[in-house]
Amino acid sequence: MVSAQCQGNFQGLIQQCSRYVQKSGPRENPSEECCNVVKNVDLPCVCQHITSEVEQIVSMEKAAYVAGFCGKPLPHGTKCGSYIVPGS
């Protein structure tokens, strides 16, 4: 499990942020609650543990957007599952 290997509240991440990173639906700005959880999670570590099963549900592009919106952008070139964060 990712939660055992990376720092942060993963249950909170799922509860507060799942609606903002699902493949279905429009991209929308995350809630303050979601951002509070994102700020305390080791996102690059989480990215290393994304499986193809996760990518069937979660849009890595939306996840990168949420991270940036919350003030914790993933560095350009970070590989998150099969998604690579583009340069600006």
PDB file of N, CA and C in Angstrom:
ATOM      1  N   MET A   1       0.832  -1.209   0.000  1.00  0.00           N
ATOM      2  CA  MET A   1       0.000   0.000   0.000  1.00  0.00           C
ATOM      3  C   MET A   1       0.861   1.251   0.000  1.00  0.00           C
ATOM      4  N   VAL A   2       0.413   2.237  -0.707  1.00  0.00           N
ATOM      5  CA  VAL A   2       1.131   3.508  -0.781  1.00  0.00           C
ATOM      6  C   VAL A   2       1.245   4.160   0.587  1.00  0.00           C
ATOM      7  N   SER A   3       0.166   4.115   1.367  1.00  0.00           N
ATOM      8  CA  SER A   3       0.133   4.846   2.632  1.00  0.00           C
ATOM      9  C   SER A   3       1.222   4.398   3.595  1.00  0.00           C
ATOM     10  N   ALA A   4       1.669   3.161   3.500  1.00  0.00           N
ATOM     11  CA  ALA A   4       2.707   2.667   4.404  1.00  0.00           C
ATOM     12  C   ALA A   4       4.084   3.180   3.978  1.00  0.00           C
ATOM     13  N   GLN A   5       4.216   3.591   2.727  1.00  0.00           N
ATOM     14  CA  GLN A   5       5.522   3.947   2.191  1.00  0.00           C
ATOM     15  C   GLN A   5       5.739   5.455   2.062  1.00  0.00           C
ATOM     16  N   CYS A   6       4.675   6.234   2.057  1.00  0.00           N
ATOM     17  CA  CYS A   6       4.791   7.681   1.857  1.00  0.00           C
ATOM     18  C   CYS A   6       4.158   8.425   3.029  1.00  0.00           C
ATOM     19  N   GLN A   7       4.687   9.629   3.304  1.00  0.00           N
ATOM     20  CA  GLN A   7       4.137  10.442   4.389  1.00  0.00           C
ATOM     21  C   GLN A   7       2.810  11.059   3.983  1.00  0.00           C
ATOM     22  N   GLY A   8       1.904  11.192   4.951  1.00  0.00           N
ATOM     23  CA  GLY A   8       0.665  11.912   4.687  1.00  0.00           C
ATOM     24  C   GLY A   8      -0.572  11.129   5.071  1.00  0.00           C
ATOM     25  N   ASN A   9      -1.692  11.811   5.026  1.00  0.00           N
ATOM     26  CA  ASN A   9      -2.991  11.252   5.382  1.00  0.00           C
ATOM     27  C   ASN A   9      -3.697  10.801   4.104  1.00  0.00           C
ATOM     28  N   PHE A  10      -3.517   9.537   3.752  1.00  0.00           N
ATOM     29  CA  PHE A  10      -4.069   9.062   2.484  1.00  0.00           C
ATOM     30  C   PHE A  10      -5.566   8.848   2.523  1.00  0.00           C
ATOM     31  N   GLN A  11      -6.077   8.460   3.704  1.00  0.00           N
ATOM     32  CA  GLN A  11      -7.525   8.326   3.836  1.00  0.00           C
ATOM     33  C   GLN A  11      -8.161   9.701   3.604  1.00  0.00           C
ATOM     34  N   GLY A  12      -7.563  10.723   4.191  1.00  0.00           N
ATOM     35  CA  GLY A  12      -8.052  12.088   4.003  1.00  0.00           C
ATOM     36  C   GLY A  12      -7.943  12.532   2.555  1.00  0.00           C
ATOM     37  N   LEU A  13      -6.853  12.145   1.919  1.00  0.00           N
ATOM     38  CA  LEU A  13      -6.646  12.507   0.506  1.00  0.00           C
ATOM     39  C   LEU A  13      -7.772  11.917  -0.347  1.00  0.00           C
ATOM     40  N   ILE A  14      -8.095  10.667  -0.093  1.00  0.00           N
ATOM     41  CA  ILE A  14      -9.171  10.012  -0.839  1.00  0.00           C
ATOM     42  C   ILE A  14     -10.517  10.665  -0.513  1.00  0.00           C
ATOM     43  N   GLN A  15     -10.785  10.887   0.777  1.00  0.00           N
ATOM     44  CA  GLN A  15     -12.077  11.449   1.184  1.00  0.00           C
ATOM     45  C   GLN A  15     -12.260  12.878   0.678  1.00  0.00           C
ATOM     46  N   GLN A  16     -11.233  13.703   0.794  1.00  0.00           N
ATOM     47  CA  GLN A  16     -11.381  15.129   0.492  1.00  0.00           C
ATOM     48  C   GLN A  16     -11.143  15.472  -0.976  1.00  0.00           C
ATOM     49  N   CYS A  17     -10.353  14.665  -1.681  1.00  0.00           N
ATOM     50  CA  CYS A  17      -9.921  15.081  -3.018  1.00  0.00           C
ATOM     51  C   CYS A  17     -10.404  14.197  -4.161  1.00  0.00           C
ATOM     52  N   SER A  18     -10.994  13.050  -3.872  1.00  0.00           N
ATOM     53  CA  SER A  18     -11.316  12.109  -4.951  1.00  0.00           C
ATOM     54  C   SER A  18     -12.210  12.741  -6.022  1.00  0.00           C
ATOM     55  N   ARG A  19     -13.163  13.565  -5.630  1.00  0.00           N
ATOM     56  CA  ARG A  19     -14.072  14.142  -6.637  1.00  0.00           C
ATOM     57  C   ARG A  19     -13.368  15.101  -7.593  1.00  0.00           C
ATOM     58  N   TYR A  20     -12.212  15.630  -7.182  1.00  0.00           N
ATOM     59  CA  TYR A  20     -11.492  16.592  -8.025  1.00  0.00           C
ATOM     60  C   TYR A  20     -10.512  15.930  -8.983  1.00  0.00           C
ATOM     61  N   VAL A  21     -10.255  14.633  -8.785  1.00  0.00           N
ATOM     62  CA  VAL A  21      -9.273  13.961  -9.631  1.00  0.00           C
ATOM     63  C   VAL A  21      -9.857  12.780 -10.417  1.00  0.00           C
ATOM     64  N   GLN A  22     -11.157  12.534 -10.295  1.00  0.00           N
ATOM     65  CA  GLN A  22     -11.783  11.450 -11.052  1.00  0.00           C
ATOM     66  C   GLN A  22     -11.732  11.755 -12.539  1.00  0.00           C
ATOM     67  N   LYS A  23     -11.592  10.694 -13.337  1.00  0.00           N
ATOM     68  CA  LYS A  23     -11.541  10.869 -14.786  1.00  0.00           C
ATOM     69  C   LYS A  23     -12.826  11.497 -15.326  1.00  0.00           C
ATOM     70  N   SER A  24     -13.960  11.110 -14.756  1.00  0.00           N
ATOM     71  CA  SER A  24     -15.228  11.661 -15.232  1.00  0.00           C
ATOM     72  C   SER A  24     -15.458  13.036 -14.618  1.00  0.00           C
ATOM     73  N   GLY A  25     -16.190  13.863 -15.335  1.00  0.00           N
ATOM     74  CA  GLY A  25     -16.523  15.191 -14.815  1.00  0.00           C
ATOM     75  C   GLY A  25     -15.499  16.245 -15.198  1.00  0.00           C
ATOM     76  N   PRO A  26     -15.885  17.503 -15.029  1.00  0.00           N
ATOM     77  CA  PRO A  26     -15.014  18.609 -15.419  1.00  0.00           C
ATOM     78  C   PRO A  26     -13.897  18.834 -14.397  1.00  0.00           C
ATOM     79  N   ARG A  27     -12.843  19.498 -14.860  1.00  0.00           N
ATOM     80  CA  ARG A  27     -11.793  19.890 -13.930  1.00  0.00           C
ATOM     81  C   ARG A  27     -12.324  21.065 -13.125  1.00  0.00           C
ATOM     82  N   GLU A  28     -12.227  20.987 -11.810  1.00  0.00           N
ATOM     83  CA  GLU A  28     -12.673  22.094 -10.966  1.00  0.00           C
ATOM     84  C   GLU A  28     -11.660  22.330  -9.858  1.00  0.00           C
ATOM     85  N   ASN A  29     -11.681  23.549  -9.328  1.00  0.00           N
ATOM     86  CA  ASN A  29     -10.762  23.880  -8.252  1.00  0.00           C
ATOM     87  C   ASN A  29     -11.105  23.078  -7.007  1.00  0.00           C
ATOM     88  N   PRO A  30     -10.087  22.530  -6.341  1.00  0.00           N
ATOM     89  CA  PRO A  30     -10.339  21.728  -5.149  1.00  0.00           C
ATOM     90  C   PRO A  30     -10.758  22.576  -3.956  1.00  0.00           C
ATOM     91  N   SER A  31     -11.340  21.912  -2.977  1.00  0.00           N
ATOM     92  CA  SER A  31     -11.787  22.580  -1.756  1.00  0.00           C
ATOM     93  C   SER A  31     -10.598  22.900  -0.856  1.00  0.00           C
ATOM     94  N   GLU A  32     -10.829  23.766   0.103  1.00  0.00           N
ATOM     95  CA  GLU A  32      -9.794  24.091   1.085  1.00  0.00           C
ATOM     96  C   GLU A  32      -9.412  22.840   1.874  1.00  0.00           C
ATOM     97  N   GLU A  33     -10.397  21.981   2.173  1.00  0.00           N
ATOM     98  CA  GLU A  33     -10.138  20.751   2.917  1.00  0.00           C
ATOM     99  C   GLU A  33      -9.207  19.831   2.123  1.00  0.00           C
ATOM    100  N   CYS A  34      -9.470  19.726   0.821  1.00  0.00           N
ATOM    101  CA  CYS A  34      -8.611  18.915  -0.039  1.00  0.00           C
ATOM    102  C   CYS A  34      -7.191  19.482  -0.020  1.00  0.00           C
ATOM    103  N   CYS A  35      -7.055  20.777  -0.194  1.00  0.00           N
ATOM    104  CA  CYS A  35      -5.727  21.403  -0.213  1.00  0.00           C
ATOM    105  C   CYS A  35      -4.983  21.196   1.107  1.00  0.00           C
ATOM    106  N   ASN A  36      -5.699  21.262   2.220  1.00  0.00           N
ATOM    107  CA  ASN A  36      -5.058  21.054   3.520  1.00  0.00           C
ATOM    108  C   ASN A  36      -4.428  19.665   3.602  1.00  0.00           C
ATOM    109  N   VAL A  37      -5.095  18.673   3.025  1.00  0.00           N
ATOM    110  CA  VAL A  37      -4.548  17.313   3.024  1.00  0.00           C
ATOM    111  C   VAL A  37      -3.371  17.224   2.050  1.00  0.00           C
ATOM    112  N   VAL A  38      -3.548  17.801   0.853  1.00  0.00           N
ATOM    113  CA  VAL A  38      -2.495  17.755  -0.178  1.00  0.00           C
ATOM    114  C   VAL A  38      -1.184  18.340   0.350  1.00  0.00           C
ATOM    115  N   LYS A  39      -1.274  19.406   1.109  1.00  0.00           N
ATOM    116  CA  LYS A  39      -0.073  20.082   1.611  1.00  0.00           C
ATOM    117  C   LYS A  39       0.752  19.207   2.548  1.00  0.00           C
ATOM    118  N   ASN A  40       0.139  18.168   3.106  1.00  0.00           N
ATOM    119  CA  ASN A  40       0.834  17.306   4.062  1.00  0.00           C
ATOM    120  C   ASN A  40       1.146  15.916   3.524  1.00  0.00           C
ATOM    121  N   VAL A  41       1.040  15.747   2.208  1.00  0.00           N
ATOM    122  CA  VAL A  41       1.301  14.446   1.595  1.00  0.00           C
ATOM    123  C   VAL A  41       2.570  14.547   0.737  1.00  0.00           C
ATOM    124  N   ASP A  42       3.373  13.506   0.766  1.00  0.00           N
ATOM    125  CA  ASP A  42       4.581  13.431  -0.055  1.00  0.00           C
ATOM    126  C   ASP A  42       4.174  13.002  -1.467  1.00  0.00           C
ATOM    127  N   LEU A  43       3.781  13.984  -2.295  1.00  0.00           N
ATOM    128  CA  LEU A  43       3.227  13.681  -3.619  1.00  0.00           C
ATOM    129  C   LEU A  43       4.205  12.962  -4.541  1.00  0.00           C
ATOM    130  N   PRO A  44       5.475  13.378  -4.625  1.00  0.00           N
ATOM    131  CA  PRO A  44       6.393  12.627  -5.492  1.00  0.00           C
ATOM    132  C   PRO A  44       6.500  11.156  -5.092  1.00  0.00           C
ATOM    133  N   CYS A  45       6.425  10.876  -3.804  1.00  0.00           N
ATOM    134  CA  CYS A  45       6.441   9.491  -3.335  1.00  0.00           C
ATOM    135  C   CYS A  45       5.177   8.768  -3.798  1.00  0.00           C
ATOM    136  N   VAL A  46       4.038   9.421  -3.642  1.00  0.00           N
ATOM    137  CA  VAL A  46       2.772   8.818  -4.078  1.00  0.00           C
ATOM    138  C   VAL A  46       2.834   8.515  -5.575  1.00  0.00           C
ATOM    139  N   CYS A  47       3.382   9.430  -6.346  1.00  0.00           N
ATOM    140  CA  CYS A  47       3.462   9.252  -7.804  1.00  0.00           C
ATOM    141  C   CYS A  47       4.220   7.984  -8.185  1.00  0.00           C
ATOM    142  N   GLN A  48       5.220   7.633  -7.401  1.00  0.00           N
ATOM    143  CA  GLN A  48       6.018   6.446  -7.704  1.00  0.00           C
ATOM    144  C   GLN A  48       5.224   5.155  -7.509  1.00  0.00           C
ATOM    145  N   HIS A  49       4.096   5.242  -6.813  1.00  0.00           N
ATOM    146  CA  HIS A  49       3.335   4.040  -6.487  1.00  0.00           C
ATOM    147  C   HIS A  49       1.975   3.975  -7.189  1.00  0.00           C
ATOM    148  N   ILE A  50       1.761   4.837  -8.182  1.00  0.00           N
ATOM    149  CA  ILE A  50       0.492   4.822  -8.923  1.00  0.00           C
ATOM    150  C   ILE A  50       0.471   3.604  -9.845  1.00  0.00           C
ATOM    151  N   THR A  51      -0.594   2.835  -9.760  1.00  0.00           N
ATOM    152  CA  THR A  51      -0.740   1.637 -10.599  1.00  0.00           C
ATOM    153  C   THR A  51      -1.692   1.915 -11.755  1.00  0.00           C
ATOM    154  N   SER A  52      -1.710   0.996 -12.711  1.00  0.00           N
ATOM    155  CA  SER A  52      -2.637   1.154 -13.840  1.00  0.00           C
ATOM    156  C   SER A  52      -4.081   1.085 -13.355  1.00  0.00           C
ATOM    157  N   GLU A  53      -4.324   0.340 -12.266  1.00  0.00           N
ATOM    158  CA  GLU A  53      -5.674   0.276 -11.700  1.00  0.00           C
ATOM    159  C   GLU A  53      -6.109   1.653 -11.197  1.00  0.00           C
ATOM    160  N   VAL A  54      -5.199   2.345 -10.520  1.00  0.00           N
ATOM    161  CA  VAL A  54      -5.500   3.694 -10.024  1.00  0.00           C
ATOM    162  C   VAL A  54      -5.777   4.619 -11.208  1.00  0.00           C
ATOM    163  N   GLU A  55      -4.976   4.493 -12.266  1.00  0.00           N
ATOM    164  CA  GLU A  55      -5.133   5.377 -13.422  1.00  0.00           C
ATOM    165  C   GLU A  55      -6.431   5.153 -14.184  1.00  0.00           C
ATOM    166  N   GLN A  56      -7.091   4.029 -13.960  1.00  0.00           N
ATOM    167  CA  GLN A  56      -8.391   3.807 -14.586  1.00  0.00           C
ATOM    168  C   GLN A  56      -9.464   4.679 -13.942  1.00  0.00           C
ATOM    169  N   ILE A  57      -9.219   5.106 -12.713  1.00  0.00           N
ATOM    170  CA  ILE A  57     -10.195   5.897 -11.954  1.00  0.00           C
ATOM    171  C   ILE A  57      -9.763   7.356 -11.850  1.00  0.00           C
ATOM    172  N   VAL A  58      -8.468   7.567 -11.638  1.00  0.00           N
ATOM    173  CA  VAL A  58      -7.935   8.902 -11.348  1.00  0.00           C
ATOM    174  C   VAL A  58      -7.247   9.489 -12.575  1.00  0.00           C
ATOM    175  N   SER A  59      -7.569  10.730 -12.879  1.00  0.00           N
ATOM    176  CA  SER A  59      -6.885  11.471 -13.929  1.00  0.00           C
ATOM    177  C   SER A  59      -5.608  12.058 -13.348  1.00  0.00           C
ATOM    178  N   MET A  60      -4.463  11.605 -13.823  1.00  0.00           N
ATOM    179  CA  MET A  60      -3.190  12.126 -13.315  1.00  0.00           C
ATOM    180  C   MET A  60      -3.033  13.609 -13.678  1.00  0.00           C
ATOM    181  N   GLU A  61      -3.595  13.996 -14.799  1.00  0.00           N
ATOM    182  CA  GLU A  61      -3.550  15.405 -15.198  1.00  0.00           C
ATOM    183  C   GLU A  61      -4.310  16.268 -14.194  1.00  0.00           C
ATOM    184  N   LYS A  62      -5.497  15.808 -13.790  1.00  0.00           N
ATOM    185  CA  LYS A  62      -6.269  16.542 -12.777  1.00  0.00           C
ATOM    186  C   LYS A  62      -5.546  16.530 -11.433  1.00  0.00           C
ATOM    187  N   ALA A  63      -4.920  15.393 -11.097  1.00  0.00           N
ATOM    188  CA  ALA A  63      -4.192  15.298  -9.831  1.00  0.00           C
ATOM    189  C   ALA A  63      -3.050  16.319  -9.801  1.00  0.00           C
ATOM    190  N   ALA A  64      -2.333  16.454 -10.921  1.00  0.00           N
ATOM    191  CA  ALA A  64      -1.251  17.437 -11.001  1.00  0.00           C
ATOM    192  C   ALA A  64      -1.805  18.853 -10.893  1.00  0.00           C
ATOM    193  N   TYR A  65      -2.973  19.092 -11.493  1.00  0.00           N
ATOM    194  CA  TYR A  65      -3.619  20.403 -11.400  1.00  0.00           C
ATOM    195  C   TYR A  65      -3.980  20.726  -9.945  1.00  0.00           C
ATOM    196  N   VAL A  66      -4.573  19.751  -9.251  1.00  0.00           N
ATOM    197  CA  VAL A  66      -4.954  19.948  -7.854  1.00  0.00           C
ATOM    198  C   VAL A  66      -3.725  20.271  -7.011  1.00  0.00           C
ATOM    199  N   ALA A  67      -2.641  19.526  -7.232  1.00  0.00           N
ATOM    200  CA  ALA A  67      -1.404  19.768  -6.475  1.00  0.00           C
ATOM    201  C   ALA A  67      -0.919  21.201  -6.685  1.00  0.00           C
ATOM    202  N   GLY A  68      -0.919  21.654  -7.936  1.00  0.00           N
ATOM    203  CA  GLY A  68      -0.482  23.021  -8.238  1.00  0.00           C
ATOM    204  C   GLY A  68      -1.412  24.062  -7.656  1.00  0.00           C
ATOM    205  N   PHE A  69      -2.718  23.833  -7.772  1.00  0.00           N
ATOM    206  CA  PHE A  69      -3.694  24.781  -7.238  1.00  0.00           C
ATOM    207  C   PHE A  69      -3.516  24.934  -5.736  1.00  0.00           C
ATOM    208  N   CYS A  70      -3.184  23.834  -5.068  1.00  0.00           N
ATOM    209  CA  CYS A  70      -3.030  23.840  -3.613  1.00  0.00           C
ATOM    210  C   CYS A  70      -1.657  24.361  -3.169  1.00  0.00           C
ATOM    211  N   GLY A  71      -0.852  24.832  -4.116  1.00  0.00           N
ATOM    212  CA  GLY A  71       0.437  25.420  -3.759  1.00  0.00           C
ATOM    213  C   GLY A  71       1.551  24.407  -3.590  1.00  0.00           C
ATOM    214  N   LYS A  72       1.340  23.199  -4.097  1.00  0.00           N
ATOM    215  CA  LYS A  72       2.379  22.166  -3.993  1.00  0.00           C
ATOM    216  C   LYS A  72       2.562  21.499  -5.356  1.00  0.00           C
ATOM    217  N   PRO A  73       2.959  22.293  -6.360  1.00  0.00           N
ATOM    218  CA  PRO A  73       3.045  21.746  -7.716  1.00  0.00           C
ATOM    219  C   PRO A  73       4.110  20.660  -7.828  1.00  0.00           C
ATOM    220  N   LEU A  74       3.812  19.689  -8.655  1.00  0.00           N
ATOM    221  CA  LEU A  74       4.794  18.643  -8.935  1.00  0.00           C
ATOM    222  C   LEU A  74       5.842  19.217  -9.889  1.00  0.00           C
ATOM    223  N   PRO A  75       7.118  18.941  -9.653  1.00  0.00           N
ATOM    224  CA  PRO A  75       8.159  19.466 -10.553  1.00  0.00           C
ATOM    225  C   PRO A  75       7.968  18.953 -11.974  1.00  0.00           C
ATOM    226  N   HIS A  76       8.292  19.801 -12.967  1.00  0.00           N
ATOM    227  CA  HIS A  76       8.193  19.399 -14.367  1.00  0.00           C
ATOM    228  C   HIS A  76       9.046  18.157 -14.584  1.00  0.00           C
ATOM    229  N   GLY A  77       8.494  17.216 -15.339  1.00  0.00           N
ATOM    230  CA  GLY A  77       9.217  15.981 -15.608  1.00  0.00           C
ATOM    231  C   GLY A  77       8.945  14.878 -14.596  1.00  0.00           C
ATOM    232  N   THR A  78       8.202  15.193 -13.512  1.00  0.00           N
ATOM    233  CA  THR A  78       7.847  14.162 -12.528  1.00  0.00           C
ATOM    234  C   THR A  78       6.955  13.127 -13.202  1.00  0.00           C
ATOM    235  N   LYS A  79       7.271  11.859 -13.001  1.00  0.00           N
ATOM    236  CA  LYS A  79       6.444  10.797 -13.553  1.00  0.00           C
ATOM    237  C   LYS A  79       5.459  10.367 -12.468  1.00  0.00           C
ATOM    238  N   CYS A  80       4.175  10.462 -12.790  1.00  0.00           N
ATOM    239  CA  CYS A  80       3.123  10.088 -11.852  1.00  0.00           C
ATOM    240  C   CYS A  80       2.296   9.007 -12.537  1.00  0.00           C
ATOM    241  N   GLY A  81       2.564   7.743 -12.203  1.00  0.00           N
ATOM    242  CA  GLY A  81       1.970   6.661 -12.966  1.00  0.00           C
ATOM    243  C   GLY A  81       2.564   6.711 -14.365  1.00  0.00           C
ATOM    244  N   SER A  82       1.720   6.725 -15.385  1.00  0.00           N
ATOM    245  CA  SER A  82       2.220   6.829 -16.761  1.00  0.00           C
ATOM    246  C   SER A  82       2.247   8.289 -17.237  1.00  0.00           C
ATOM    247  N   TYR A  83       1.777   9.201 -16.402  1.00  0.00           N
ATOM    248  CA  TYR A  83       1.706  10.626 -16.744  1.00  0.00           C
ATOM    249  C   TYR A  83       3.013  11.313 -16.371  1.00  0.00           C
ATOM    250  N   ILE A  84       3.529  12.139 -17.271  1.00  0.00           N
ATOM    251  CA  ILE A  84       4.715  12.940 -16.966  1.00  0.00           C
ATOM    252  C   ILE A  84       4.300  14.392 -16.939  1.00  0.00           C
ATOM    253  N   VAL A  85       4.605  15.072 -15.830  1.00  0.00           N
ATOM    254  CA  VAL A  85       4.219  16.476 -15.657  1.00  0.00           C
ATOM    255  C   VAL A  85       4.950  17.303 -16.723  1.00  0.00           C
ATOM    256  N   PRO A  86       4.189  18.001 -17.570  1.00  0.00           N
ATOM    257  CA  PRO A  86       4.834  18.765 -18.657  1.00  0.00           C
ATOM    258  C   PRO A  86       5.545  20.018 -18.145  1.00  0.00           C
ATOM    259  N   GLY A  87       6.495  20.488 -18.940  1.00  0.00           N
ATOM    260  CA  GLY A  87       7.170  21.756 -18.631  1.00  0.00           C
ATOM    261  C   GLY A  87       6.253  22.900 -18.982  1.00  0.00           C
ATOM    262  N   SER A  88       6.551  24.079 -18.464  1.00  0.00           N
ATOM    263  CA  SER A  88       5.660  25.227 -18.714  1.00  0.00           C
ATOM    264  C   SER A  88       5.972  25.871 -20.034  1.00  0.00           C
TER     265      SER A  88
END
